Amino acid sequence: MLHKLLLLITLSCLVIPQTILAGAVTERIKLSQTLVVGTTGDFPPFAANTTQGKIIGFDIDLAHKLANGLGLTLQLKQMEFAKLLPAVKDGSIDIALSGITMMPSRNLDVAFVGPYTTSGQSLLGKEQIISAITSNEELAGATFKIAALKGSTSEKAAREGIPHAKVTLTATHDQSLILLLKGEVDAILADFPFCKVAEFRYPQHNLKALEGALTFEPIGIAISGDDPLLQNLIQNFLIVMEGSGTLEKLKKKWFKSNDWIKALPDMDFFKNLEQ
């Protein structure tokens, strides 16, 4: 309660220089009194669907706190990862929150605020396969079959870091995981937190995540590049979240604890998902 009060007071007392202008997104938010946030919903611990059809996660908590702090209604729009940034650009969503890596190439199309956390790529596969990888040289020379999310840094890391692997691109993380559990690929390349969650969720499949991230990836909030007021507002929001200790508490909740995992569906839930 104290942290929420601090956020409300701080956001309401921010002094915004007159040179920082409101763009179309800010005006749309003020008119609708709604914050529209795009997310994949299949990327735990950042965002995931529960058995009850609710989206939970680190990014979802951030979205709720931002909307509540501004007195807005939160609307979550679930979509494929590759569609998130185009949706920000064309105004279909106000911001995108889904464990998105801040990359120069992406920055050509949208602006980023952050980072609010960091991540990195890892490999998830059968324990005998992962345990056999003892060096970066061995990984670079691997010829096994890998699944990776289309348009993500996982795809880039697979192409560049494991050039001899046969890469299958998927539209969602769930599709990649299904391919692995069915034995149609030997491993998947994904963010380290996602790999560790999957390792814990499916012990019966004898999965193992490669320890330690293969890359360093700053994670940010994607917004329109034509709205300096919105950018300033979200920057200030993250400053308050970090300074109040709320951001660290959320990291502990989603990255250090596994209590929330029991709310997620098992793979039978996705058995009819098209490949």
C-alpha atoms as a PDB file:
ATOM      1  CA  MET A   1       0.000   0.000   0.000  1.00  0.00           C
ATOM      2  CA  LEU A   2       2.843   2.375   0.872  1.00  0.00           C
ATOM      3  CA  HIS A   3       4.580   1.718  -2.445  1.00  0.00           C
ATOM      4  CA  LYS A   4       1.343   2.321  -4.368  1.00  0.00           C
ATOM      5  CA  LEU A   5       0.804   5.597  -2.495  1.00  0.00           C
ATOM      6  CA  LEU A   6       4.376   6.653  -3.242  1.00  0.00           C
ATOM      7  CA  LEU A   7       3.854   5.895  -6.938  1.00  0.00           C
ATOM      8  CA  LEU A   8       0.607   7.887  -7.061  1.00  0.00           C
ATOM      9  CA  ILE A   9       2.138  10.886  -5.287  1.00  0.00           C
ATOM     10  CA  THR A  10       5.304  10.875  -7.381  1.00  0.00           C
ATOM     11  CA  LEU A  11       3.557  10.532 -10.735  1.00  0.00           C
ATOM     12  CA  SER A  12       1.083  13.268  -9.826  1.00  0.00           C
ATOM     13  CA  CYS A  13       3.827  15.664  -8.746  1.00  0.00           C
ATOM     14  CA  LEU A  14       6.166  15.252 -11.725  1.00  0.00           C
ATOM     15  CA  VAL A  15       7.113  18.532 -13.324  1.00  0.00           C
ATOM     16  CA  ILE A  16       7.065  18.141 -17.102  1.00  0.00           C
ATOM     17  CA  PRO A  17       8.953  20.812 -19.066  1.00  0.00           C
ATOM     18  CA  GLN A  18       6.777  22.651 -21.608  1.00  0.00           C
ATOM     19  CA  THR A  19       9.105  21.489 -24.384  1.00  0.00           C
ATOM     20  CA  ILE A  20       7.990  17.873 -23.854  1.00  0.00           C
ATOM     21  CA  LEU A  21       4.900  17.528 -26.019  1.00  0.00           C
ATOM     22  CA  ALA A  22       2.139  14.959 -25.899  1.00  0.00           C
ATOM     23  CA  GLY A  23       1.916  12.777 -28.987  1.00  0.00           C
ATOM     24  CA  ALA A  24      -0.962  10.845 -30.496  1.00  0.00           C
ATOM     25  CA  VAL A  25      -0.621   7.915 -28.081  1.00  0.00           C
ATOM     26  CA  THR A  26      -0.820  10.112 -24.978  1.00  0.00           C
ATOM     27  CA  GLU A  27      -3.834  11.948 -26.383  1.00  0.00           C
ATOM     28  CA  ARG A  28      -5.513   8.642 -27.208  1.00  0.00           C
ATOM     29  CA  ILE A  29      -4.867   7.333 -23.693  1.00  0.00           C
ATOM     30  CA  LYS A  30      -6.267  10.506 -22.113  1.00  0.00           C
ATOM     31  CA  LEU A  31      -9.376  10.332 -24.282  1.00  0.00           C
ATOM     32  CA  SER A  32     -10.093   6.620 -23.744  1.00  0.00           C
ATOM     33  CA  GLN A  33      -8.877   6.487 -20.131  1.00  0.00           C
ATOM     34  CA  THR A  34      -7.438   3.109 -21.106  1.00  0.00           C
ATOM     35  CA  LEU A  35      -3.877   1.826 -21.414  1.00  0.00           C
ATOM     36  CA  VAL A  36      -3.612  -0.809 -24.165  1.00  0.00           C
ATOM     37  CA  VAL A  37      -0.625  -3.093 -23.599  1.00  0.00           C
ATOM     38  CA  GLY A  38       0.524  -5.728 -26.087  1.00  0.00           C
ATOM     39  CA  THR A  39       2.055  -8.981 -24.837  1.00  0.00           C
ATOM     40  CA  THR A  40       2.546 -12.543 -26.040  1.00  0.00           C
ATOM     41  CA  GLY A  41       1.149 -14.261 -22.972  1.00  0.00           C
ATOM     42  CA  ASP A  42       3.297 -17.347 -23.563  1.00  0.00           C
ATOM     43  CA  PHE A  43       6.617 -16.227 -22.131  1.00  0.00           C
ATOM     44  CA  PRO A  44       6.868 -17.037 -18.411  1.00  0.00           C
ATOM     45  CA  PRO A  45       7.961 -15.461 -16.157  1.00  0.00           C
ATOM     46  CA  PHE A  46       7.375 -12.249 -18.156  1.00  0.00           C
ATOM     47  CA  ALA A  47       3.835 -13.065 -19.304  1.00  0.00           C
ATOM     48  CA  ALA A  48       1.874 -16.324 -19.249  1.00  0.00           C
ATOM     49  CA  ASN A  49      -1.687 -17.607 -19.448  1.00  0.00           C
ATOM     50  CA  THR A  50      -3.106 -19.442 -16.447  1.00  0.00           C
ATOM     51  CA  THR A  51      -5.537 -22.355 -16.507  1.00  0.00           C
ATOM     52  CA  GLN A  52      -8.247 -19.810 -15.716  1.00  0.00           C
ATOM     53  CA  GLY A  53      -7.493 -17.775 -18.839  1.00  0.00           C
ATOM     54  CA  LYS A  54      -5.803 -14.938 -16.956  1.00  0.00           C
ATOM     55  CA  ILE A  55      -2.496 -13.433 -18.060  1.00  0.00           C
ATOM     56  CA  ILE A  56       0.058 -13.151 -15.253  1.00  0.00           C
ATOM     57  CA  GLY A  57       3.756 -12.349 -15.064  1.00  0.00           C
ATOM     58  CA  PHE A  58       6.450  -9.830 -14.273  1.00  0.00           C
ATOM     59  CA  ASP A  59       5.528  -7.610 -17.231  1.00  0.00           C
ATOM     60  CA  ILE A  60       1.829  -7.902 -16.454  1.00  0.00           C
ATOM     61  CA  ASP A  61       2.386  -6.697 -12.891  1.00  0.00           C
ATOM     62  CA  LEU A  62       4.325  -3.742 -14.289  1.00  0.00           C
ATOM     63  CA  ALA A  63       1.484  -2.942 -16.681  1.00  0.00           C
ATOM     64  CA  HIS A  64      -1.085  -3.051 -13.867  1.00  0.00           C
ATOM     65  CA  LYS A  65       1.005  -0.759 -11.680  1.00  0.00           C
ATOM     66  CA  LEU A  66       1.492   1.746 -14.498  1.00  0.00           C
ATOM     67  CA  ALA A  67      -2.223   1.802 -15.336  1.00  0.00           C
ATOM     68  CA  ASN A  68      -3.243   2.044 -11.670  1.00  0.00           C
ATOM     69  CA  GLY A  69      -0.771   4.839 -11.038  1.00  0.00           C
ATOM     70  CA  LEU A  70      -2.333   6.836 -13.851  1.00  0.00           C
ATOM     71  CA  GLY A  71      -5.908   6.006 -12.907  1.00  0.00           C
ATOM     72  CA  LEU A  72      -6.442   4.137 -16.176  1.00  0.00           C
ATOM     73  CA  THR A  73      -8.166   0.916 -17.146  1.00  0.00           C
ATOM     74  CA  LEU A  74      -5.685  -1.700 -18.359  1.00  0.00           C
ATOM     75  CA  GLN A  75      -6.465  -3.590 -21.555  1.00  0.00           C
ATOM     76  CA  LEU A  76      -4.141  -6.461 -22.453  1.00  0.00           C
ATOM     77  CA  LYS A  77      -3.869  -7.479 -26.102  1.00  0.00           C
ATOM     78  CA  GLN A  78      -2.281 -10.867 -26.676  1.00  0.00           C
ATOM     79  CA  MET A  79      -0.478 -11.389 -29.990  1.00  0.00           C
ATOM     80  CA  GLU A  80       2.447 -13.170 -31.580  1.00  0.00           C
ATOM     81  CA  PHE A  81       5.844 -11.750 -30.695  1.00  0.00           C
ATOM     82  CA  ALA A  82       6.638 -10.730 -34.275  1.00  0.00           C
ATOM     83  CA  LYS A  83       3.486  -8.569 -34.347  1.00  0.00           C
ATOM     84  CA  LEU A  84       4.192  -6.574 -31.181  1.00  0.00           C
ATOM     85  CA  LEU A  85       6.475  -3.873 -32.553  1.00  0.00           C
ATOM     86  CA  PRO A  86       4.420  -3.346 -35.754  1.00  0.00           C
ATOM     87  CA  ALA A  87       1.379  -2.915 -33.467  1.00  0.00           C
ATOM     88  CA  VAL A  88       3.218  -0.226 -31.481  1.00  0.00           C
ATOM     89  CA  LYS A  89       4.212   1.481 -34.702  1.00  0.00           C
ATOM     90  CA  ASP A  90       0.730   1.503 -36.254  1.00  0.00           C
ATOM     91  CA  GLY A  91      -1.024   2.465 -33.006  1.00  0.00           C
ATOM     92  CA  SER A  92      -2.905  -0.799 -32.443  1.00  0.00           C
ATOM     93  CA  ILE A  93      -1.440  -0.859 -28.928  1.00  0.00           C
ATOM     94  CA  ASP A  94      -0.064   1.904 -26.723  1.00  0.00           C
ATOM     95  CA  ILE A  95       2.999   0.039 -25.445  1.00  0.00           C
ATOM     96  CA  ALA A  96       4.488  -3.460 -25.722  1.00  0.00           C
ATOM     97  CA  LEU A  97       5.621  -5.368 -22.627  1.00  0.00           C
ATOM     98  CA  SER A  98       6.802  -8.897 -23.299  1.00  0.00           C
ATOM     99  CA  GLY A  99      10.446  -9.382 -22.366  1.00  0.00           C
ATOM    100  CA  ILE A 100      11.527  -7.393 -25.428  1.00  0.00           C
ATOM    101  CA  THR A 101      15.247  -6.897 -25.952  1.00  0.00           C
ATOM    102  CA  MET A 102      16.312  -3.335 -26.719  1.00  0.00           C
ATOM    103  CA  MET A 103      18.150  -3.624 -30.045  1.00  0.00           C
ATOM    104  CA  PRO A 104      19.433  -0.881 -32.401  1.00  0.00           C
ATOM    105  CA  SER A 105      17.644  -2.486 -35.348  1.00  0.00           C
ATOM    106  CA  ARG A 106      14.332  -2.407 -33.459  1.00  0.00           C
ATOM    107  CA  ASN A 107      15.030   1.129 -32.320  1.00  0.00           C
ATOM    108  CA  LEU A 108      14.793   2.232 -35.945  1.00  0.00           C
ATOM    109  CA  ASP A 109      11.038   1.578 -35.783  1.00  0.00           C
ATOM    110  CA  VAL A 110      10.048   2.155 -32.149  1.00  0.00           C
ATOM    111  CA  ALA A 111      11.420   3.828 -29.037  1.00  0.00           C
ATOM    112  CA  PHE A 112      12.422   1.932 -25.911  1.00  0.00           C
ATOM    113  CA  VAL A 113      12.287   2.938 -22.255  1.00  0.00           C
ATOM    114  CA  GLY A 114      14.503   1.040 -19.850  1.00  0.00           C
ATOM    115  CA  PRO A 115      16.064  -1.343 -19.327  1.00  0.00           C
ATOM    116  CA  TYR A 116      13.942  -2.434 -16.392  1.00  0.00           C
ATOM    117  CA  THR A 117      15.698  -5.822 -16.236  1.00  0.00           C
ATOM    118  CA  THR A 118      18.200  -7.889 -18.203  1.00  0.00           C
ATOM    119  CA  SER A 119      18.117 -11.354 -19.700  1.00  0.00           C
ATOM    120  CA  GLY A 120      20.050 -13.534 -22.134  1.00  0.00           C
ATOM    121  CA  GLN A 121      19.685 -16.510 -24.421  1.00  0.00           C
ATOM    122  CA  SER A 122      20.019 -20.090 -23.227  1.00  0.00           C
ATOM    123  CA  LEU A 123      19.506 -23.562 -24.631  1.00  0.00           C
ATOM    124  CA  LEU A 124      16.910 -26.017 -23.324  1.00  0.00           C
ATOM    125  CA  GLY A 125      16.970 -29.689 -24.280  1.00  0.00           C
ATOM    126  CA  LYS A 126      17.258 -33.246 -23.032  1.00  0.00           C
ATOM    127  CA  GLU A 127      19.765 -33.468 -20.190  1.00  0.00           C
ATOM    128  CA  GLN A 128      22.119 -35.779 -22.089  1.00  0.00           C
ATOM    129  CA  ILE A 129      22.354 -33.264 -24.947  1.00  0.00           C
ATOM    130  CA  ILE A 130      22.836 -30.174 -22.810  1.00  0.00           C
ATOM    131  CA  SER A 131      25.309 -31.844 -20.430  1.00  0.00           C
ATOM    132  CA  ALA A 132      27.504 -32.788 -23.384  1.00  0.00           C
ATOM    133  CA  ILE A 133      28.074 -29.096 -24.228  1.00  0.00           C
ATOM    134  CA  THR A 134      31.137 -28.010 -22.273  1.00  0.00           C
ATOM    135  CA  SER A 135      32.375 -25.047 -24.320  1.00  0.00           C
ATOM    136  CA  ASN A 136      31.261 -22.330 -26.722  1.00  0.00           C
ATOM    137  CA  GLU A 137      33.271 -24.059 -29.436  1.00  0.00           C
ATOM    138  CA  GLU A 138      31.262 -27.258 -29.020  1.00  0.00           C
ATOM    139  CA  LEU A 139      28.027 -25.286 -29.152  1.00  0.00           C
ATOM    140  CA  ALA A 140      29.118 -23.412 -32.275  1.00  0.00           C
ATOM    141  CA  GLY A 141      29.864 -26.713 -34.008  1.00  0.00           C
ATOM    142  CA  ALA A 142      26.625 -28.443 -32.989  1.00  0.00           C
ATOM    143  CA  THR A 143      24.491 -29.876 -35.794  1.00  0.00           C
ATOM    144  CA  PHE A 144      21.318 -30.735 -33.892  1.00  0.00           C
ATOM    145  CA  LYS A 145      17.800 -29.442 -34.578  1.00  0.00           C
ATOM    146  CA  ILE A 146      16.760 -26.261 -32.779  1.00  0.00           C
ATOM    147  CA  ALA A 147      13.467 -24.375 -32.479  1.00  0.00           C
ATOM    148  CA  ALA A 148      13.485 -20.604 -32.014  1.00  0.00           C
ATOM    149  CA  LEU A 149      10.903 -17.826 -31.930  1.00  0.00           C
ATOM    150  CA  LYS A 150      10.555 -16.049 -35.267  1.00  0.00           C
ATOM    151  CA  GLY A 151      11.736 -12.438 -35.262  1.00  0.00           C
ATOM    152  CA  SER A 152      13.333 -12.730 -31.821  1.00  0.00           C
ATOM    153  CA  THR A 153      16.884 -12.498 -30.540  1.00  0.00           C
ATOM    154  CA  SER A 154      16.650 -16.288 -30.182  1.00  0.00           C
ATOM    155  CA  GLU A 155      16.477 -16.607 -33.961  1.00  0.00           C
ATOM    156  CA  LYS A 156      19.458 -14.286 -34.349  1.00  0.00           C
ATOM    157  CA  ALA A 157      21.491 -16.178 -31.729  1.00  0.00           C
ATOM    158  CA  ALA A 158      20.683 -19.514 -33.361  1.00  0.00           C
ATOM    159  CA  ARG A 159      21.696 -18.347 -36.822  1.00  0.00           C
ATOM    160  CA  GLU A 160      24.906 -16.683 -35.691  1.00  0.00           C
ATOM    161  CA  GLY A 161      25.975 -18.713 -32.666  1.00  0.00           C
ATOM    162  CA  ILE A 162      25.061 -22.223 -33.855  1.00  0.00           C
ATOM    163  CA  PRO A 163      25.457 -21.874 -37.636  1.00  0.00           C
ATOM    164  CA  HIS A 164      25.429 -25.614 -38.406  1.00  0.00           C
ATOM    165  CA  ALA A 165      22.162 -26.310 -36.579  1.00  0.00           C
ATOM    166  CA  LYS A 166      18.902 -26.889 -38.417  1.00  0.00           C
ATOM    167  CA  VAL A 167      16.638 -24.099 -37.155  1.00  0.00           C
ATOM    168  CA  THR A 168      12.849 -24.347 -37.090  1.00  0.00           C
ATOM    169  CA  LEU A 169      11.118 -21.001 -36.539  1.00  0.00           C
ATOM    170  CA  THR A 170       7.891 -20.824 -34.563  1.00  0.00           C
ATOM    171  CA  ALA A 171       5.271 -18.125 -33.991  1.00  0.00           C
ATOM    172  CA  THR A 172       5.097 -18.703 -30.222  1.00  0.00           C
ATOM    173  CA  HIS A 173       7.223 -20.061 -27.395  1.00  0.00           C
ATOM    174  CA  ASP A 174       4.568 -22.692 -26.757  1.00  0.00           C
ATOM    175  CA  GLN A 175       5.034 -24.071 -30.262  1.00  0.00           C
ATOM    176  CA  SER A 176       8.789 -24.312 -29.709  1.00  0.00           C
ATOM    177  CA  LEU A 177       8.264 -26.123 -26.431  1.00  0.00           C
ATOM    178  CA  ILE A 178       5.777 -28.555 -27.972  1.00  0.00           C
ATOM    179  CA  LEU A 179       8.299 -29.454 -30.688  1.00  0.00           C
ATOM    180  CA  LEU A 180      10.881 -30.192 -27.997  1.00  0.00           C
ATOM    181  CA  LEU A 181       8.548 -32.279 -25.856  1.00  0.00           C
ATOM    182  CA  LYS A 182       7.450 -34.260 -28.907  1.00  0.00           C
ATOM    183  CA  GLY A 183      11.078 -34.941 -29.814  1.00  0.00           C
ATOM    184  CA  GLU A 184      10.814 -33.136 -33.147  1.00  0.00           C
ATOM    185  CA  VAL A 185      13.729 -30.870 -32.211  1.00  0.00           C
ATOM    186  CA  ASP A 186      16.697 -31.541 -29.958  1.00  0.00           C
ATOM    187  CA  ALA A 187      16.611 -28.201 -28.170  1.00  0.00           C
ATOM    188  CA  ILE A 188      15.064 -24.750 -28.143  1.00  0.00           C
ATOM    189  CA  LEU A 189      16.865 -21.444 -27.896  1.00  0.00           C
ATOM    190  CA  ALA A 190      15.059 -18.947 -25.673  1.00  0.00           C
ATOM    191  CA  ASP A 191      15.626 -16.494 -22.841  1.00  0.00           C
ATOM    192  CA  PHE A 192      17.280 -18.080 -19.815  1.00  0.00           C
ATOM    193  CA  PRO A 193      14.346 -17.432 -17.425  1.00  0.00           C
ATOM    194  CA  PHE A 194      11.931 -19.136 -19.848  1.00  0.00           C
ATOM    195  CA  CYS A 195      14.237 -22.150 -20.134  1.00  0.00           C
ATOM    196  CA  LYS A 196      14.533 -22.501 -16.346  1.00  0.00           C
ATOM    197  CA  VAL A 197      10.756 -22.272 -15.908  1.00  0.00           C
ATOM    198  CA  ALA A 198      10.238 -24.992 -18.535  1.00  0.00           C
ATOM    199  CA  GLU A 199      12.865 -27.183 -16.860  1.00  0.00           C
ATOM    200  CA  PHE A 200      10.986 -26.909 -13.589  1.00  0.00           C
ATOM    201  CA  ARG A 201       7.494 -27.329 -15.121  1.00  0.00           C
ATOM    202  CA  TYR A 202       8.193 -30.601 -16.926  1.00  0.00           C
ATOM    203  CA  PRO A 203      10.538 -32.733 -14.790  1.00  0.00           C
ATOM    204  CA  GLN A 204       9.100 -35.908 -16.341  1.00  0.00           C
ATOM    205  CA  HIS A 205      10.686 -34.938 -19.673  1.00  0.00           C
ATOM    206  CA  ASN A 206      14.207 -34.770 -18.214  1.00  0.00           C
ATOM    207  CA  LEU A 207      14.852 -31.290 -19.557  1.00  0.00           C
ATOM    208  CA  LYS A 208      17.884 -29.197 -18.695  1.00  0.00           C
ATOM    209  CA  ALA A 209      18.735 -25.568 -19.375  1.00  0.00           C
ATOM    210  CA  LEU A 210      22.285 -24.616 -20.262  1.00  0.00           C
ATOM    211  CA  GLU A 211      23.548 -22.811 -17.176  1.00  0.00           C
ATOM    212  CA  GLY A 212      24.404 -19.174 -17.687  1.00  0.00           C
ATOM    213  CA  ALA A 213      23.131 -16.883 -20.403  1.00  0.00           C
ATOM    214  CA  LEU A 214      24.843 -16.989 -23.793  1.00  0.00           C
ATOM    215  CA  THR A 215      24.102 -13.318 -24.459  1.00  0.00           C
ATOM    216  CA  PHE A 216      23.462 -10.095 -22.556  1.00  0.00           C
ATOM    217  CA  GLU A 217      20.109  -8.525 -23.374  1.00  0.00           C
ATOM    218  CA  PRO A 218      18.641  -5.353 -21.833  1.00  0.00           C
ATOM    219  CA  ILE A 219      14.843  -5.597 -21.636  1.00  0.00           C
ATOM    220  CA  GLY A 220      12.742  -2.507 -22.271  1.00  0.00           C
ATOM    221  CA  ILE A 221       9.244  -1.161 -22.852  1.00  0.00           C
ATOM    222  CA  ALA A 222       8.491  -0.487 -26.528  1.00  0.00           C
ATOM    223  CA  ILE A 223       6.578   2.709 -27.285  1.00  0.00           C
ATOM    224  CA  SER A 224       5.947   5.067 -30.172  1.00  0.00           C
ATOM    225  CA  GLY A 225       8.906   7.217 -31.177  1.00  0.00           C
ATOM    226  CA  ASP A 226       6.579  10.162 -31.785  1.00  0.00           C
ATOM    227  CA  ASP A 227       5.400  10.709 -28.215  1.00  0.00           C
ATOM    228  CA  PRO A 228       8.057  12.353 -26.014  1.00  0.00           C
ATOM    229  CA  LEU A 229       5.603  12.960 -23.157  1.00  0.00           C
ATOM    230  CA  LEU A 230       4.746   9.260 -22.942  1.00  0.00           C
ATOM    231  CA  GLN A 231       8.434   8.377 -23.013  1.00  0.00           C
ATOM    232  CA  ASN A 232       9.136  10.819 -20.186  1.00  0.00           C
ATOM    233  CA  LEU A 233       6.212   9.509 -18.156  1.00  0.00           C
ATOM    234  CA  ILE A 234       7.289   5.865 -18.405  1.00  0.00           C
ATOM    235  CA  GLN A 235      10.908   6.772 -17.640  1.00  0.00           C
ATOM    236  CA  ASN A 236       9.731   8.468 -14.455  1.00  0.00           C
ATOM    237  CA  PHE A 237       7.509   5.485 -13.641  1.00  0.00           C
ATOM    238  CA  LEU A 238      10.474   3.096 -13.824  1.00  0.00           C
ATOM    239  CA  ILE A 239      12.564   5.449 -11.677  1.00  0.00           C
ATOM    240  CA  VAL A 240       9.865   5.368  -8.995  1.00  0.00           C
ATOM    241  CA  MET A 241       9.512   1.594  -9.257  1.00  0.00           C
ATOM    242  CA  GLU A 242      13.238   1.109  -8.776  1.00  0.00           C
ATOM    243  CA  GLY A 243      13.686   3.758  -6.099  1.00  0.00           C
ATOM    244  CA  SER A 244      10.783   2.478  -4.012  1.00  0.00           C
ATOM    245  CA  GLY A 245      12.071  -1.093  -4.130  1.00  0.00           C
ATOM    246  CA  THR A 246       8.935  -2.298  -5.917  1.00  0.00           C
ATOM    247  CA  LEU A 247      10.840  -3.393  -9.007  1.00  0.00           C
ATOM    248  CA  GLU A 248      13.181  -5.558  -6.939  1.00  0.00           C
ATOM    249  CA  LYS A 249      10.219  -7.131  -5.134  1.00  0.00           C
ATOM    250  CA  LEU A 250       8.635  -8.027  -8.469  1.00  0.00           C
ATOM    251  CA  LYS A 251      11.889  -9.590  -9.652  1.00  0.00           C
ATOM    252  CA  LYS A 252      12.036 -11.749  -6.542  1.00  0.00           C
ATOM    253  CA  LYS A 253       8.397 -12.758  -6.988  1.00  0.00           C
ATOM    254  CA  TRP A 254       8.757 -13.844 -10.615  1.00  0.00           C
ATOM    255  CA  PHE A 255      12.417 -14.841 -10.969  1.00  0.00           C
ATOM    256  CA  LYS A 256      13.321 -16.225  -7.548  1.00  0.00           C
ATOM    257  CA  SER A 257      10.079 -17.947  -6.543  1.00  0.00           C
ATOM    258  CA  ASN A 258       8.196 -20.730  -8.300  1.00  0.00           C
ATOM    259  CA  ASP A 259       4.917 -20.470  -6.363  1.00  0.00           C
ATOM    260  CA  TRP A 260       3.099 -19.014  -9.376  1.00  0.00           C
ATOM    261  CA  ILE A 261       4.024 -21.886 -11.716  1.00  0.00           C
ATOM    262  CA  LYS A 262       1.236 -24.101 -10.403  1.00  0.00           C
ATOM    263  CA  ALA A 263      -1.274 -21.678 -11.946  1.00  0.00           C
ATOM    264  CA  LEU A 264       0.032 -22.442 -15.448  1.00  0.00           C
ATOM    265  CA  PRO A 265      -1.483 -25.166 -17.647  1.00  0.00           C
ATOM    266  CA  ASP A 266       0.409 -28.330 -18.537  1.00  0.00           C
ATOM    267  CA  MET A 267       1.142 -29.170 -22.156  1.00  0.00           C
ATOM    268  CA  ASP A 268      -2.138 -31.086 -22.553  1.00  0.00           C
ATOM    269  CA  PHE A 269      -3.705 -27.638 -22.653  1.00  0.00           C
ATOM    270  CA  PHE A 270      -1.861 -26.958 -25.913  1.00  0.00           C
ATOM    271  CA  LYS A 271      -2.261 -30.360 -27.533  1.00  0.00           C
ATOM    272  CA  ASN A 272      -4.488 -28.982 -30.304  1.00  0.00           C
ATOM    273  CA  LEU A 273      -2.202 -26.058 -31.040  1.00  0.00           C
ATOM    274  CA  GLU A 274      -1.277 -25.975 -34.733  1.00  0.00           C
ATOM    275  CA  GLN A 275       2.398 -26.385 -35.449  1.00  0.00           C
END
